[in-house]
Amino acid sequence: QVQLVESGGGLVQAGGSLRLSCAASGRTFANSAMGWFRQAPGKEREFVATINWSDSPTYYADSVKGRFTSSRDNDKKTLYLQMNSLKSEDTAVYYCAARGSPFSTASRRPHEYDYWGQGTQVTVSS
């Protein structure tokens, strides 16, 4: 089992920045590909970023490319999402997720993730 806890969400003005963290506990974090997803009210959950178990490569949704950066610290068992130049359309609940298979590769598909955090709200005011 893997437990994931997100933090760092909040209210920010358009153009501002936030850094989300996802703390993992349980089975080996270092061997798991991780992902960030988000869900806005009335919309389906969508892919944001995914990072390989080995910290490379990392893939991003076109809507956040160049503004968001995902990284991981395997010693601290923590996944990060640095969000810059935030826009009102980035407003959503952000979730981190972990794939269950050891040495799994990065994936954009939510159904390929076995463990999910409870989510953290990000609200960007225009």
C-alpha atoms as a PDB file:
ATOM      1  CA  GLN A   1       0.000   0.000   0.000  1.00  0.00           C
ATOM      2  CA  VAL A   2       1.012   3.580  -0.640  1.00  0.00           C
ATOM      3  CA  GLN A   3      -0.466   6.544   1.174  1.00  0.00           C
ATOM      4  CA  LEU A   4      -0.289   9.922  -0.517  1.00  0.00           C
ATOM      5  CA  VAL A   5      -0.947  13.298   1.088  1.00  0.00           C
ATOM      6  CA  GLU A   6      -0.965  16.491  -0.966  1.00  0.00           C
ATOM      7  CA  SER A   7      -0.334  19.948   0.451  1.00  0.00           C
ATOM      8  CA  GLY A   8       0.468  23.442  -0.745  1.00  0.00           C
ATOM      9  CA  GLY A   9      -2.791  24.409  -2.390  1.00  0.00           C
ATOM     10  CA  GLY A  10      -4.479  27.724  -1.783  1.00  0.00           C
ATOM     11  CA  LEU A  11      -5.743  30.964  -3.264  1.00  0.00           C
ATOM     12  CA  VAL A  12      -3.431  32.909  -5.558  1.00  0.00           C
ATOM     13  CA  GLN A  13      -3.819  35.736  -8.038  1.00  0.00           C
ATOM     14  CA  ALA A  14      -3.415  35.148 -11.734  1.00  0.00           C
ATOM     15  CA  GLY A  15       0.262  35.258 -12.660  1.00  0.00           C
ATOM     16  CA  GLY A  16       1.310  33.987  -9.257  1.00  0.00           C
ATOM     17  CA  SER A  17       2.961  30.741  -8.210  1.00  0.00           C
ATOM     18  CA  LEU A  18       2.292  27.799  -5.944  1.00  0.00           C
ATOM     19  CA  ARG A  19       4.265  24.692  -5.084  1.00  0.00           C
ATOM     20  CA  LEU A  20       2.363  21.515  -4.371  1.00  0.00           C
ATOM     21  CA  SER A  21       3.881  18.643  -2.428  1.00  0.00           C
ATOM     22  CA  CYS A  22       2.830  15.039  -2.245  1.00  0.00           C
ATOM     23  CA  ALA A  23       4.242  13.068   0.661  1.00  0.00           C
ATOM     24  CA  ALA A  24       4.284   9.306   0.248  1.00  0.00           C
ATOM     25  CA  SER A  25       4.439   6.599   2.865  1.00  0.00           C
ATOM     26  CA  GLY A  26       4.174   2.873   2.747  1.00  0.00           C
ATOM     27  CA  ARG A  27       5.786   0.730   0.101  1.00  0.00           C
ATOM     28  CA  THR A  28       8.794   1.862  -1.904  1.00  0.00           C
ATOM     29  CA  PHE A  29       8.229   5.290  -3.409  1.00  0.00           C
ATOM     30  CA  ALA A  30      11.436   5.360  -5.383  1.00  0.00           C
ATOM     31  CA  ASN A  31      10.286   2.564  -7.701  1.00  0.00           C
ATOM     32  CA  SER A  32       6.933   4.107  -8.623  1.00  0.00           C
ATOM     33  CA  ALA A  33       6.047   6.357 -11.506  1.00  0.00           C
ATOM     34  CA  MET A  34       4.039   9.302 -10.219  1.00  0.00           C
ATOM     35  CA  GLY A  35       1.508  11.640 -11.718  1.00  0.00           C
ATOM     36  CA  TRP A  36      -0.389  14.854 -11.119  1.00  0.00           C
ATOM     37  CA  PHE A  37      -4.000  15.215 -12.202  1.00  0.00           C
ATOM     38  CA  ARG A  38      -6.628  17.870 -11.619  1.00  0.00           C
ATOM     39  CA  GLN A  39     -10.374  18.151 -11.633  1.00  0.00           C
ATOM     40  CA  ALA A  40     -12.351  21.339 -11.991  1.00  0.00           C
ATOM     41  CA  PRO A  41     -16.036  21.572 -10.987  1.00  0.00           C
ATOM     42  CA  GLY A  42     -18.250  19.904 -13.573  1.00  0.00           C
ATOM     43  CA  LYS A  43     -15.296  18.534 -15.519  1.00  0.00           C
ATOM     44  CA  GLU A  44     -13.556  15.200 -15.767  1.00  0.00           C
ATOM     45  CA  ARG A  45     -10.236  14.545 -14.103  1.00  0.00           C
ATOM     46  CA  GLU A  46      -7.432  15.528 -16.463  1.00  0.00           C
ATOM     47  CA  PHE A  47      -3.749  14.788 -16.743  1.00  0.00           C
ATOM     48  CA  VAL A  48      -1.283  17.463 -15.659  1.00  0.00           C
ATOM     49  CA  ALA A  49       2.172  15.869 -15.380  1.00  0.00           C
ATOM     50  CA  THR A  50       3.840  12.524 -14.943  1.00  0.00           C
ATOM     51  CA  ILE A  51       7.355  11.583 -13.891  1.00  0.00           C
ATOM     52  CA  ASN A  52       9.158   8.307 -14.338  1.00  0.00           C
ATOM     53  CA  TRP A  53      10.315   6.277 -11.344  1.00  0.00           C
ATOM     54  CA  SER A  54      13.897   7.234 -12.211  1.00  0.00           C
ATOM     55  CA  ASP A  55      13.087  10.980 -12.179  1.00  0.00           C
ATOM     56  CA  SER A  56      13.315  11.155 -15.956  1.00  0.00           C
ATOM     57  CA  PRO A  57      11.583  11.660 -18.281  1.00  0.00           C
ATOM     58  CA  THR A  58       8.772  13.953 -17.268  1.00  0.00           C
ATOM     59  CA  TYR A  59       5.752  14.703 -19.443  1.00  0.00           C
ATOM     60  CA  TYR A  60       3.264  17.549 -19.241  1.00  0.00           C
ATOM     61  CA  ALA A  61      -0.136  18.422 -20.575  1.00  0.00           C
ATOM     62  CA  ASP A  62       0.057  21.023 -23.330  1.00  0.00           C
ATOM     63  CA  SER A  63      -1.992  23.405 -21.199  1.00  0.00           C
ATOM     64  CA  VAL A  64       0.708  23.578 -18.502  1.00  0.00           C
ATOM     65  CA  LYS A  65       3.892  23.005 -20.496  1.00  0.00           C
ATOM     66  CA  GLY A  66       6.429  25.736 -19.840  1.00  0.00           C
ATOM     67  CA  ARG A  67       4.628  26.876 -16.677  1.00  0.00           C
ATOM     68  CA  PHE A  68       4.571  23.788 -14.443  1.00  0.00           C
ATOM     69  CA  THR A  69       7.509  21.641 -13.368  1.00  0.00           C
ATOM     70  CA  SER A  70       7.254  18.295 -11.617  1.00  0.00           C
ATOM     71  CA  SER A  71      10.109  16.805  -9.646  1.00  0.00           C
ATOM     72  CA  ARG A  72      10.670  14.158  -7.026  1.00  0.00           C
ATOM     73  CA  ASP A  73      12.931  13.624  -4.047  1.00  0.00           C
ATOM     74  CA  ASN A  74      13.133   9.897  -3.476  1.00  0.00           C
ATOM     75  CA  ASP A  75      15.067  10.307  -0.224  1.00  0.00           C
ATOM     76  CA  LYS A  76      12.217  12.390   1.191  1.00  0.00           C
ATOM     77  CA  LYS A  77       9.558  10.298  -0.583  1.00  0.00           C
ATOM     78  CA  THR A  78       8.017  13.493  -1.888  1.00  0.00           C
ATOM     79  CA  LEU A  79       6.681  14.574  -5.263  1.00  0.00           C
ATOM     80  CA  TYR A  80       6.500  18.261  -6.169  1.00  0.00           C
ATOM     81  CA  LEU A  81       4.622  20.376  -8.664  1.00  0.00           C
ATOM     82  CA  GLN A  82       5.925  23.903  -9.120  1.00  0.00           C
ATOM     83  CA  MET A  83       3.229  25.993 -10.767  1.00  0.00           C
ATOM     84  CA  ASN A  84       4.159  29.387 -12.224  1.00  0.00           C
ATOM     85  CA  SER A  85       2.237  31.963 -14.248  1.00  0.00           C
ATOM     86  CA  LEU A  86      -1.017  30.576 -12.938  1.00  0.00           C
ATOM     87  CA  LYS A  87      -4.214  31.245 -14.839  1.00  0.00           C
ATOM     88  CA  SER A  88      -7.846  31.176 -13.758  1.00  0.00           C
ATOM     89  CA  GLU A  89      -8.320  28.030 -15.818  1.00  0.00           C
ATOM     90  CA  ASP A  90      -5.814  26.249 -13.557  1.00  0.00           C
ATOM     91  CA  THR A  91      -8.384  26.379 -10.756  1.00  0.00           C
ATOM     92  CA  ALA A  92      -9.111  22.790  -9.706  1.00  0.00           C
ATOM     93  CA  VAL A  93      -8.521  20.148  -7.094  1.00  0.00           C
ATOM     94  CA  TYR A  94      -5.070  18.715  -7.712  1.00  0.00           C
ATOM     95  CA  TYR A  95      -4.328  15.058  -7.036  1.00  0.00           C
ATOM     96  CA  CYS A  96      -1.103  13.119  -6.949  1.00  0.00           C
ATOM     97  CA  ALA A  97      -1.115   9.464  -7.870  1.00  0.00           C
ATOM     98  CA  ALA A  98       1.265   6.517  -7.867  1.00  0.00           C
ATOM     99  CA  ARG A  99       1.469   3.523 -10.125  1.00  0.00           C
ATOM    100  CA  GLY A 100       1.517   0.217  -8.296  1.00  0.00           C
ATOM    101  CA  SER A 101       3.938  -1.749 -10.440  1.00  0.00           C
ATOM    102  CA  PRO A 102       7.631  -1.510  -9.494  1.00  0.00           C
ATOM    103  CA  PHE A 103       9.781   0.373 -12.013  1.00  0.00           C
ATOM    104  CA  SER A 104       6.676   1.521 -13.822  1.00  0.00           C
ATOM    105  CA  THR A 105       6.954   4.180 -16.485  1.00  0.00           C
ATOM    106  CA  ALA A 106       5.311   7.574 -16.609  1.00  0.00           C
ATOM    107  CA  SER A 107       1.721   7.548 -17.838  1.00  0.00           C
ATOM    108  CA  ARG A 108      -0.911  10.109 -18.804  1.00  0.00           C
ATOM    109  CA  ARG A 109      -3.758   7.656 -18.169  1.00  0.00           C
ATOM    110  CA  PRO A 110      -5.510   7.947 -14.791  1.00  0.00           C
ATOM    111  CA  HIS A 111      -6.685   4.328 -14.865  1.00  0.00           C
ATOM    112  CA  GLU A 112      -3.058   3.155 -14.797  1.00  0.00           C
ATOM    113  CA  TYR A 113      -2.565   4.609 -11.324  1.00  0.00           C
ATOM    114  CA  ASP A 114      -3.319   2.509  -8.271  1.00  0.00           C
ATOM    115  CA  TYR A 115      -2.979   4.997  -5.433  1.00  0.00           C
ATOM    116  CA  TRP A 116      -4.394   8.489  -5.089  1.00  0.00           C
ATOM    117  CA  GLY A 117      -4.145  11.297  -2.585  1.00  0.00           C
ATOM    118  CA  GLN A 118      -7.125  13.169  -1.207  1.00  0.00           C
ATOM    119  CA  GLY A 119      -6.447  16.249  -3.320  1.00  0.00           C
ATOM    120  CA  THR A 120      -5.610  19.875  -2.587  1.00  0.00           C
ATOM    121  CA  GLN A 121      -7.612  22.863  -3.833  1.00  0.00           C
ATOM    122  CA  VAL A 122      -5.926  25.434  -6.046  1.00  0.00           C
ATOM    123  CA  THR A 123      -7.917  28.583  -6.757  1.00  0.00           C
ATOM    124  CA  VAL A 124      -6.580  31.245  -9.105  1.00  0.00           C
ATOM    125  CA  SER A 125      -8.365  34.578  -9.034  1.00  0.00           C
ATOM    126  CA  SER A 126      -8.349  36.763 -12.124  1.00  0.00           C
END
